[in-house]
Amino acid sequence: MNQRKHYVEGILGETESSKLVDKLLHYYKKALYSNQPVLSEFLNPGQRAVLKILVGSDISFQEFGGYPAAEKKRVLLSEGESYSLDAFQISICQIVYPKKFVQLNHSMILGSLANSGIKTETFGDIITDNHGNWQFMADNKLLPFFKSELQYIGKTKVSIKQLPQTRVLVPADDSKMASVIVASLRLDALLSAISKLSRSQIKAAVSAKLVKLNWFTVTETNLMLQRDDVLSLRKFGRLQITDIGQTKKGKYKVVLKLWQAKKYK
């Protein structure tokens, strides 16, 4: 266990607080020594990857986020039992509002949830079908809170309705494919090329902790990127590298999937 902990801390370096490792270790130890299944809060892919390293093959690792392609998921650690989706205690929350007259967006909903006085780990993905329907995933225990306290999103009067698992939305994919030619696979080179910001601006963004690689904040601009890496810049958007090739002149052609912030366009 200690070897795995040191390995994870080496990966994270100083970019993330040791509180994350301690929290994830708490889940693991509780499941291991109490002989009871342990359910985590909603974790992003980076956090789940760390937890998988800490757990190893010692105990069973199951995850679910409310729908198959969820980004944020809850993890169920156990001694090997197989559990139904109900065991993850996730409520499908439909946002009811006058969609014929107003429009909501992801940022508005996230802001209202995050500013409601609860931890962001208690709710999962916010999804839409791009036809005015919005849902978010929440811890069952918080459903009464959301129903009573979440009455406005921005200036729009809303209410929360719990739906069965069978009525979860099929999320719209707002990503687009793009490609850039870069001389280096350094983080600052790629992010500069795709965002049209200078490398000095990217360096400033890194210093301000506005850049994340695989869901963890980075503090260096010279990190080398590879296929499947996920990179995000606050207010710009997020990208995932899907392929890396080389040109005849020895440069890199990077193919990526891009989710760009609407305000940045």
Protein backbone atom coordinates (compact mmCIF):
# COMPACT_ATOMS: atom_id res chain seq x y z
CA MET A 1 0.00 0.00 0.00
CA ASN A 2 2.78 2.43 0.92
CA GLN A 3 4.58 1.75 -2.35
CA ARG A 4 1.44 2.58 -4.31
CA LYS A 5 0.94 5.76 -2.26
CA HIS A 6 4.49 6.94 -2.94
CA TYR A 7 4.08 6.10 -6.64
CA VAL A 8 0.90 8.19 -6.88
CA GLU A 9 2.47 11.10 -4.99
CA GLY A 10 5.35 10.95 -7.47
CA ILE A 11 2.89 11.24 -10.37
CA LEU A 12 1.00 14.15 -8.84
CA GLY A 13 4.11 15.94 -7.62
CA GLU A 14 3.32 19.25 -6.03
CA THR A 15 0.45 20.08 -8.34
CA GLU A 16 -2.21 18.54 -6.11
CA SER A 17 -2.67 18.53 -2.38
CA SER A 18 -1.89 15.38 -0.43
CA LYS A 19 -5.48 15.68 0.80
CA LEU A 20 -6.60 13.97 -2.41
CA VAL A 21 -4.46 10.89 -1.80
CA ASP A 22 -5.53 10.83 1.84
CA LYS A 23 -9.21 11.00 0.87
CA LEU A 24 -8.88 8.22 -1.67
CA LEU A 25 -6.87 6.10 0.76
CA HIS A 26 -9.67 6.55 3.29
CA TYR A 27 -12.13 4.92 0.87
CA TYR A 28 -9.72 2.07 0.23
CA LYS A 29 -8.85 1.36 3.87
CA LYS A 30 -12.47 1.54 4.97
CA ALA A 31 -13.50 -1.04 2.37
CA LEU A 32 -10.51 -3.24 3.11
CA TYR A 33 -10.74 -3.34 6.90
CA SER A 34 -14.46 -2.96 7.55
CA ASN A 35 -15.50 -5.73 5.15
CA GLN A 36 -18.30 -3.44 4.03
CA PRO A 37 -18.86 -1.91 0.57
CA VAL A 38 -17.77 1.73 0.40
CA LEU A 39 -19.29 4.25 -1.99
CA SER A 40 -17.27 7.29 -3.00
CA GLU A 41 -18.46 10.75 -3.92
CA PHE A 42 -18.45 11.73 -7.60
CA LEU A 43 -14.87 11.51 -8.87
CA ASN A 44 -13.45 12.76 -12.15
CA PRO A 45 -11.44 10.40 -14.42
CA GLY A 46 -8.11 11.55 -12.99
CA GLN A 47 -9.20 10.91 -9.42
CA ARG A 48 -10.57 7.49 -10.35
CA ALA A 49 -7.30 6.61 -12.07
CA VAL A 50 -5.42 7.44 -8.86
CA LEU A 51 -7.86 5.39 -6.79
CA LYS A 52 -7.39 2.42 -9.12
CA ILE A 53 -3.63 2.56 -8.56
CA LEU A 54 -4.09 2.71 -4.78
CA VAL A 55 -6.58 -0.16 -4.74
CA GLY A 56 -4.65 -2.40 -7.09
CA SER A 57 -6.17 -5.87 -7.19
CA ASP A 58 -6.90 -6.01 -3.46
CA ILE A 59 -10.62 -5.25 -3.73
CA SER A 60 -13.34 -4.92 -6.36
CA PHE A 61 -13.65 -1.58 -8.16
CA GLN A 62 -17.01 -0.69 -9.79
CA GLU A 63 -17.97 2.72 -11.14
CA PHE A 64 -21.09 4.44 -12.46
CA GLY A 65 -22.12 8.04 -13.06
CA GLY A 66 -25.80 7.89 -13.94
CA TYR A 67 -25.41 7.06 -17.63
CA PRO A 68 -22.87 5.00 -19.65
CA ALA A 69 -20.65 7.83 -20.93
CA ALA A 70 -20.55 9.83 -17.68
CA GLU A 71 -17.37 11.74 -16.91
CA LYS A 72 -17.84 12.06 -13.16
CA LYS A 73 -18.64 8.74 -11.53
CA ARG A 74 -19.09 7.24 -8.09
CA VAL A 75 -16.91 4.26 -7.21
CA LEU A 76 -18.08 1.26 -5.22
CA LEU A 77 -15.29 -0.63 -3.47
CA SER A 78 -16.10 -4.09 -2.12
CA GLU A 79 -14.76 -7.57 -1.50
CA GLY A 80 -15.90 -8.75 -4.91
CA GLU A 81 -19.68 -8.63 -4.84
CA SER A 82 -21.52 -7.44 -7.93
CA TYR A 83 -23.97 -4.61 -7.27
CA SER A 84 -26.90 -3.20 -9.21
CA LEU A 85 -26.94 0.41 -10.43
CA ASP A 86 -29.22 1.31 -7.51
CA ALA A 87 -26.29 0.71 -5.17
CA PHE A 88 -24.57 3.82 -6.54
CA GLN A 89 -27.34 6.00 -5.06
CA ILE A 90 -27.54 8.43 -7.97
CA SER A 91 -30.62 10.53 -8.68
CA ILE A 92 -31.42 11.73 -12.20
CA CYS A 93 -32.50 15.35 -11.69
CA GLN A 94 -34.48 17.03 -14.45
CA ILE A 95 -34.46 20.84 -14.46
CA VAL A 96 -38.00 22.07 -15.10
CA TYR A 97 -38.21 25.62 -16.46
CA PRO A 98 -40.07 27.63 -19.16
CA LYS A 99 -37.77 26.56 -22.00
CA LYS A 100 -39.99 28.20 -24.63
CA PHE A 101 -39.05 31.61 -23.29
CA VAL A 102 -35.52 31.28 -21.82
CA GLN A 103 -32.35 29.32 -22.43
CA LEU A 104 -30.06 27.71 -19.89
CA ASN A 105 -26.45 26.71 -20.42
CA HIS A 106 -23.92 24.50 -18.68
CA SER A 107 -22.07 27.36 -17.00
CA MET A 108 -25.24 28.81 -15.51
CA ILE A 109 -26.32 25.46 -14.07
CA LEU A 110 -22.86 24.61 -12.75
CA GLY A 111 -22.60 28.02 -11.12
CA SER A 112 -25.96 27.63 -9.40
CA LEU A 113 -25.10 24.15 -8.13
CA ALA A 114 -21.61 25.13 -7.00
CA ASN A 115 -22.89 28.23 -5.21
CA SER A 116 -25.73 26.44 -3.44
CA GLY A 117 -23.57 25.67 -0.42
CA ILE A 118 -22.77 22.03 -1.16
CA LYS A 119 -19.57 20.34 -2.29
CA THR A 120 -19.13 19.80 -6.03
CA GLU A 121 -18.33 16.15 -5.29
CA THR A 122 -21.98 15.59 -4.35
CA PHE A 123 -23.23 16.05 -7.90
CA GLY A 124 -22.07 14.57 -11.17
CA ASP A 125 -22.39 15.46 -14.83
CA ILE A 126 -24.67 18.15 -16.19
CA ILE A 127 -26.09 17.01 -19.53
CA THR A 128 -28.36 18.30 -22.29
CA ASP A 129 -29.87 16.98 -25.51
CA ASN A 130 -29.50 20.43 -27.13
CA HIS A 131 -33.29 20.72 -27.29
CA GLY A 132 -33.66 22.69 -24.08
CA ASN A 133 -33.72 19.66 -21.77
CA TRP A 134 -31.20 19.64 -18.94
CA GLN A 135 -30.39 17.06 -16.27
CA PHE A 136 -27.74 16.62 -13.61
CA MET A 137 -26.70 13.60 -11.57
CA ALA A 138 -26.79 13.92 -7.79
CA ASP A 139 -26.22 11.94 -4.62
CA ASN A 140 -29.58 10.54 -3.49
CA LYS A 141 -29.09 12.15 -0.09
CA LEU A 142 -28.99 15.61 -1.66
CA LEU A 143 -32.19 15.24 -3.68
CA PRO A 144 -34.42 16.85 -0.98
CA PHE A 145 -31.96 19.75 -0.76
CA PHE A 146 -32.01 20.39 -4.50
CA LYS A 147 -35.79 20.17 -4.63
CA SER A 148 -36.23 22.72 -1.86
CA GLU A 149 -33.26 25.04 -2.33
CA LEU A 150 -32.50 25.16 -6.06
CA GLN A 151 -35.28 27.51 -7.12
CA TYR A 152 -33.42 29.79 -9.53
CA ILE A 153 -30.75 29.37 -12.16
CA GLY A 154 -29.65 32.87 -12.96
CA LYS A 155 -32.91 34.81 -13.03
CA THR A 156 -34.92 31.85 -14.25
CA LYS A 157 -37.37 30.16 -11.88
CA VAL A 158 -36.78 26.39 -11.88
CA SER A 159 -37.83 23.24 -10.08
CA ILE A 160 -36.17 19.85 -9.82
CA LYS A 161 -37.91 16.64 -10.78
CA GLN A 162 -36.46 13.19 -10.14
CA LEU A 163 -36.65 10.85 -13.12
CA PRO A 164 -36.15 7.08 -13.37
CA GLN A 165 -32.93 5.69 -14.82
CA THR A 166 -34.76 4.82 -18.03
CA ARG A 167 -35.37 8.51 -18.79
CA VAL A 168 -31.82 9.79 -18.57
CA LEU A 169 -30.96 11.97 -21.57
CA VAL A 170 -28.68 10.93 -24.38
CA PRO A 171 -26.20 13.83 -24.15
CA ALA A 172 -25.48 15.91 -27.23
CA ASP A 173 -21.84 15.84 -28.34
CA ASP A 174 -20.66 19.42 -28.80
CA SER A 175 -17.12 18.45 -29.71
CA LYS A 176 -15.47 18.93 -33.06
CA MET A 177 -12.40 17.39 -34.64
CA ALA A 178 -9.39 19.59 -35.30
CA SER A 179 -5.71 19.24 -36.13
CA VAL A 180 -2.63 21.39 -35.69
CA ILE A 181 0.97 21.22 -36.86
CA VAL A 182 3.50 21.84 -34.09
CA ALA A 183 7.26 21.63 -33.86
CA SER A 184 7.11 20.16 -30.34
CA LEU A 185 4.72 18.10 -28.25
CA ARG A 186 5.31 20.37 -25.28
CA LEU A 187 2.19 21.44 -23.45
CA ASP A 188 2.71 25.14 -24.14
CA ALA A 189 3.40 24.59 -27.85
CA LEU A 190 0.22 22.60 -28.46
CA LEU A 191 -2.01 24.77 -26.30
CA SER A 192 -0.67 27.91 -27.96
CA ALA A 193 -1.29 26.50 -31.44
CA ILE A 194 -4.89 25.48 -30.80
CA SER A 195 -5.93 28.46 -28.66
CA LYS A 196 -4.14 31.11 -30.78
CA LEU A 197 -2.61 32.51 -27.58
CA SER A 198 1.11 33.22 -27.33
CA ARG A 199 3.35 30.87 -25.39
CA SER A 200 3.96 33.64 -22.86
CA GLN A 201 0.18 33.85 -22.34
CA ILE A 202 0.03 30.08 -21.87
CA LYS A 203 2.87 30.33 -19.35
CA ALA A 204 0.90 32.97 -17.44
CA ALA A 205 -2.19 30.74 -17.51
CA VAL A 206 -0.17 27.84 -16.09
CA SER A 207 1.21 30.09 -13.36
CA ALA A 208 -2.36 31.15 -12.52
CA LYS A 209 -3.37 27.45 -12.25
CA LEU A 210 -5.79 27.71 -15.17
CA VAL A 211 -4.43 24.68 -17.04
CA LYS A 212 -5.10 21.02 -16.29
CA LEU A 213 -3.64 17.87 -17.78
CA ASN A 214 -5.71 14.72 -17.31
CA TRP A 215 -7.81 16.60 -14.74
CA PHE A 216 -4.88 17.68 -12.57
CA THR A 217 -3.52 21.21 -12.35
CA VAL A 218 -0.10 21.64 -13.95
CA THR A 219 2.66 24.00 -12.89
CA GLU A 220 5.11 23.43 -15.76
CA THR A 221 4.81 24.34 -19.43
CA ASN A 222 7.41 21.90 -20.75
CA LEU A 223 5.45 18.71 -20.09
CA MET A 224 5.46 16.37 -23.10
CA LEU A 225 2.04 15.28 -24.31
CA GLN A 226 0.98 11.95 -25.73
CA ARG A 227 -2.02 10.26 -27.30
CA ASP A 228 -5.22 10.19 -25.19
CA ASP A 229 -4.05 13.05 -22.96
CA VAL A 230 -6.82 15.46 -21.96
CA LEU A 231 -5.82 19.11 -21.70
CA SER A 232 -7.97 22.01 -20.54
CA LEU A 233 -7.56 25.77 -20.35
CA ARG A 234 -10.12 27.70 -18.32
CA LYS A 235 -12.44 29.86 -20.46
CA PHE A 236 -11.04 28.28 -23.65
CA GLY A 237 -12.22 24.69 -23.38
CA ARG A 238 -10.87 21.19 -23.36
CA LEU A 239 -9.21 18.90 -25.86
CA GLN A 240 -8.26 15.25 -26.11
CA ILE A 241 -5.41 14.08 -28.31
CA THR A 242 -6.69 11.28 -30.56
CA ASP A 243 -3.68 10.81 -32.84
CA ILE A 244 -0.12 12.02 -33.36
CA GLY A 245 1.66 11.77 -36.70
CA GLN A 246 4.73 13.31 -38.30
CA THR A 247 5.04 15.49 -41.38
CA LYS A 248 7.72 15.17 -44.04
CA LYS A 249 9.47 18.14 -42.44
CA GLY A 250 9.73 16.39 -39.08
CA LYS A 251 6.97 18.31 -37.33
CA TYR A 252 4.03 16.77 -35.51
CA LYS A 253 0.49 16.64 -36.80
CA VAL A 254 -1.76 16.39 -33.76
CA VAL A 255 -5.37 15.33 -34.27
CA LEU A 256 -7.65 16.20 -31.41
CA LYS A 257 -11.21 16.33 -30.21
CA LEU A 258 -12.10 19.82 -29.04
CA TRP A 259 -14.80 21.05 -26.69
CA GLN A 260 -14.57 24.83 -26.92
CA ALA A 261 -16.15 27.24 -24.47
CA LYS A 262 -18.97 29.13 -26.19
CA LYS A 263 -17.87 32.50 -24.78
CA TYR A 264 -14.38 32.04 -26.26
CA LYS A 265 -15.57 31.52 -29.84
